[in-house]
Amino acid sequence: MINCEAGFDEVVLDNLKSIIEVKSSKRVTGPYDMVAKIDLPDEKDLRDIIAWKIRIMKNVMSTLTLKVKN
């Protein structure tokens, strides 16, 4: 789940498309602006992608990670 600066949702979505680990990203309604699906087998890799590729992205204000278990 990602919150971005007002008016920059399209910019953030375009930037997410450039991250190969992001399988999909969509706008959502509610307290968050968008959701991104990242499918990685290693939790450390997931933390690294979020910390070093998404959270530092210009116009991203905050993130919330939800893990889905199969």
C-alpha atoms as a PDB file:
ATOM      1  CA  MET A   1       0.000   0.000   0.000  1.00  0.00           C
ATOM      2  CA  ILE A   2       1.407   3.367  -0.986  1.00  0.00           C
ATOM      3  CA  ASN A   3       0.514   6.974  -0.227  1.00  0.00           C
ATOM      4  CA  CYS A   4       1.829   9.624  -2.572  1.00  0.00           C
ATOM      5  CA  GLU A   5       1.712  13.387  -2.811  1.00  0.00           C
ATOM      6  CA  ALA A   6      -1.575  14.722  -4.148  1.00  0.00           C
ATOM      7  CA  GLY A   7      -1.652  14.826  -7.924  1.00  0.00           C
ATOM      8  CA  PHE A   8       1.374  12.558  -8.402  1.00  0.00           C
ATOM      9  CA  ASP A   9      -0.333   9.155  -8.470  1.00  0.00           C
ATOM     10  CA  GLU A  10       0.240   8.699 -12.210  1.00  0.00           C
ATOM     11  CA  VAL A  11       3.937   9.584 -11.840  1.00  0.00           C
ATOM     12  CA  VAL A  12       4.374   7.068  -9.013  1.00  0.00           C
ATOM     13  CA  LEU A  13       2.504   4.367 -10.958  1.00  0.00           C
ATOM     14  CA  ASP A  14       4.781   4.954 -13.957  1.00  0.00           C
ATOM     15  CA  ASN A  15       7.853   4.725 -11.708  1.00  0.00           C
ATOM     16  CA  LEU A  16       6.593   1.470 -10.182  1.00  0.00           C
ATOM     17  CA  LYS A  17       6.363  -0.032 -13.688  1.00  0.00           C
ATOM     18  CA  SER A  18      10.127   0.396 -14.037  1.00  0.00           C
ATOM     19  CA  ILE A  19      10.811  -1.874 -11.033  1.00  0.00           C
ATOM     20  CA  ILE A  20      10.947  -5.425 -12.393  1.00  0.00           C
ATOM     21  CA  GLU A  21      10.044  -6.970  -9.018  1.00  0.00           C
ATOM     22  CA  VAL A  22       6.701  -5.103  -9.016  1.00  0.00           C
ATOM     23  CA  LYS A  23       4.309  -7.512 -10.737  1.00  0.00           C
ATOM     24  CA  SER A  24       1.368  -5.076 -10.793  1.00  0.00           C
ATOM     25  CA  SER A  25       0.253  -1.760  -9.355  1.00  0.00           C
ATOM     26  CA  LYS A  26      -3.202  -0.189  -9.228  1.00  0.00           C
ATOM     27  CA  ARG A  27      -4.932   2.861  -7.784  1.00  0.00           C
ATOM     28  CA  VAL A  28      -7.247   2.154  -4.856  1.00  0.00           C
ATOM     29  CA  THR A  29      -9.802   4.108  -2.858  1.00  0.00           C
ATOM     30  CA  GLY A  30      -9.588   4.629   0.883  1.00  0.00           C
ATOM     31  CA  PRO A  31      -6.716   5.683   3.105  1.00  0.00           C
ATOM     32  CA  TYR A  32      -4.061   4.616   0.546  1.00  0.00           C
ATOM     33  CA  ASP A  33      -3.580   5.792  -3.028  1.00  0.00           C
ATOM     34  CA  MET A  34      -2.303   2.603  -4.630  1.00  0.00           C
ATOM     35  CA  VAL A  35      -1.329  -1.001  -4.087  1.00  0.00           C
ATOM     36  CA  ALA A  36       1.690  -2.749  -5.586  1.00  0.00           C
ATOM     37  CA  LYS A  37       2.137  -6.514  -5.817  1.00  0.00           C
ATOM     38  CA  ILE A  38       5.687  -7.743  -5.315  1.00  0.00           C
ATOM     39  CA  ASP A  39       6.345 -11.475  -5.509  1.00  0.00           C
ATOM     40  CA  LEU A  40       9.688 -12.504  -3.993  1.00  0.00           C
ATOM     41  CA  PRO A  41      10.660 -15.713  -2.169  1.00  0.00           C
ATOM     42  CA  ASP A  42      13.009 -14.030   0.314  1.00  0.00           C
ATOM     43  CA  GLU A  43      11.706 -11.575   2.923  1.00  0.00           C
ATOM     44  CA  LYS A  44      15.030  -9.701   3.000  1.00  0.00           C
ATOM     45  CA  ASP A  45      14.756  -9.089  -0.748  1.00  0.00           C
ATOM     46  CA  LEU A  46      11.232  -7.760  -0.217  1.00  0.00           C
ATOM     47  CA  ARG A  47      12.437  -5.358   2.495  1.00  0.00           C
ATOM     48  CA  ASP A  48      15.260  -4.176   0.236  1.00  0.00           C
ATOM     49  CA  ILE A  49      12.927  -3.460  -2.702  1.00  0.00           C
ATOM     50  CA  ILE A  50      10.558  -1.509  -0.481  1.00  0.00           C
ATOM     51  CA  ALA A  51      13.302   0.416   1.321  1.00  0.00           C
ATOM     52  CA  TRP A  52      15.685   1.119  -1.558  1.00  0.00           C
ATOM     53  CA  LYS A  53      13.398   1.326  -4.590  1.00  0.00           C
ATOM     54  CA  ILE A  54       9.912   2.368  -3.449  1.00  0.00           C
ATOM     55  CA  ARG A  55      10.187   4.413  -0.242  1.00  0.00           C
ATOM     56  CA  ILE A  56      12.946   6.595  -1.667  1.00  0.00           C
ATOM     57  CA  MET A  57      10.925   7.292  -4.820  1.00  0.00           C
ATOM     58  CA  LYS A  58      10.105  10.958  -5.331  1.00  0.00           C
ATOM     59  CA  ASN A  59       6.476  11.767  -4.391  1.00  0.00           C
ATOM     60  CA  VAL A  60       6.028   8.624  -2.232  1.00  0.00           C
ATOM     61  CA  MET A  61       4.920   9.728   1.224  1.00  0.00           C
ATOM     62  CA  SER A  62       4.518   6.379   3.024  1.00  0.00           C
ATOM     63  CA  THR A  63       4.099   2.645   2.544  1.00  0.00           C
ATOM     64  CA  LEU A  64       2.438  -0.207   4.389  1.00  0.00           C
ATOM     65  CA  THR A  65       3.478  -3.794   3.722  1.00  0.00           C
ATOM     66  CA  LEU A  66       0.963  -6.627   3.874  1.00  0.00           C
ATOM     67  CA  LYS A  67       2.265 -10.148   3.357  1.00  0.00           C
ATOM     68  CA  VAL A  68      -0.017 -12.750   1.789  1.00  0.00           C
ATOM     69  CA  LYS A  69       0.620 -16.342   2.757  1.00  0.00           C
ATOM     70  CA  ASN A  70      -0.214 -19.149   0.340  1.00  0.00           C
END
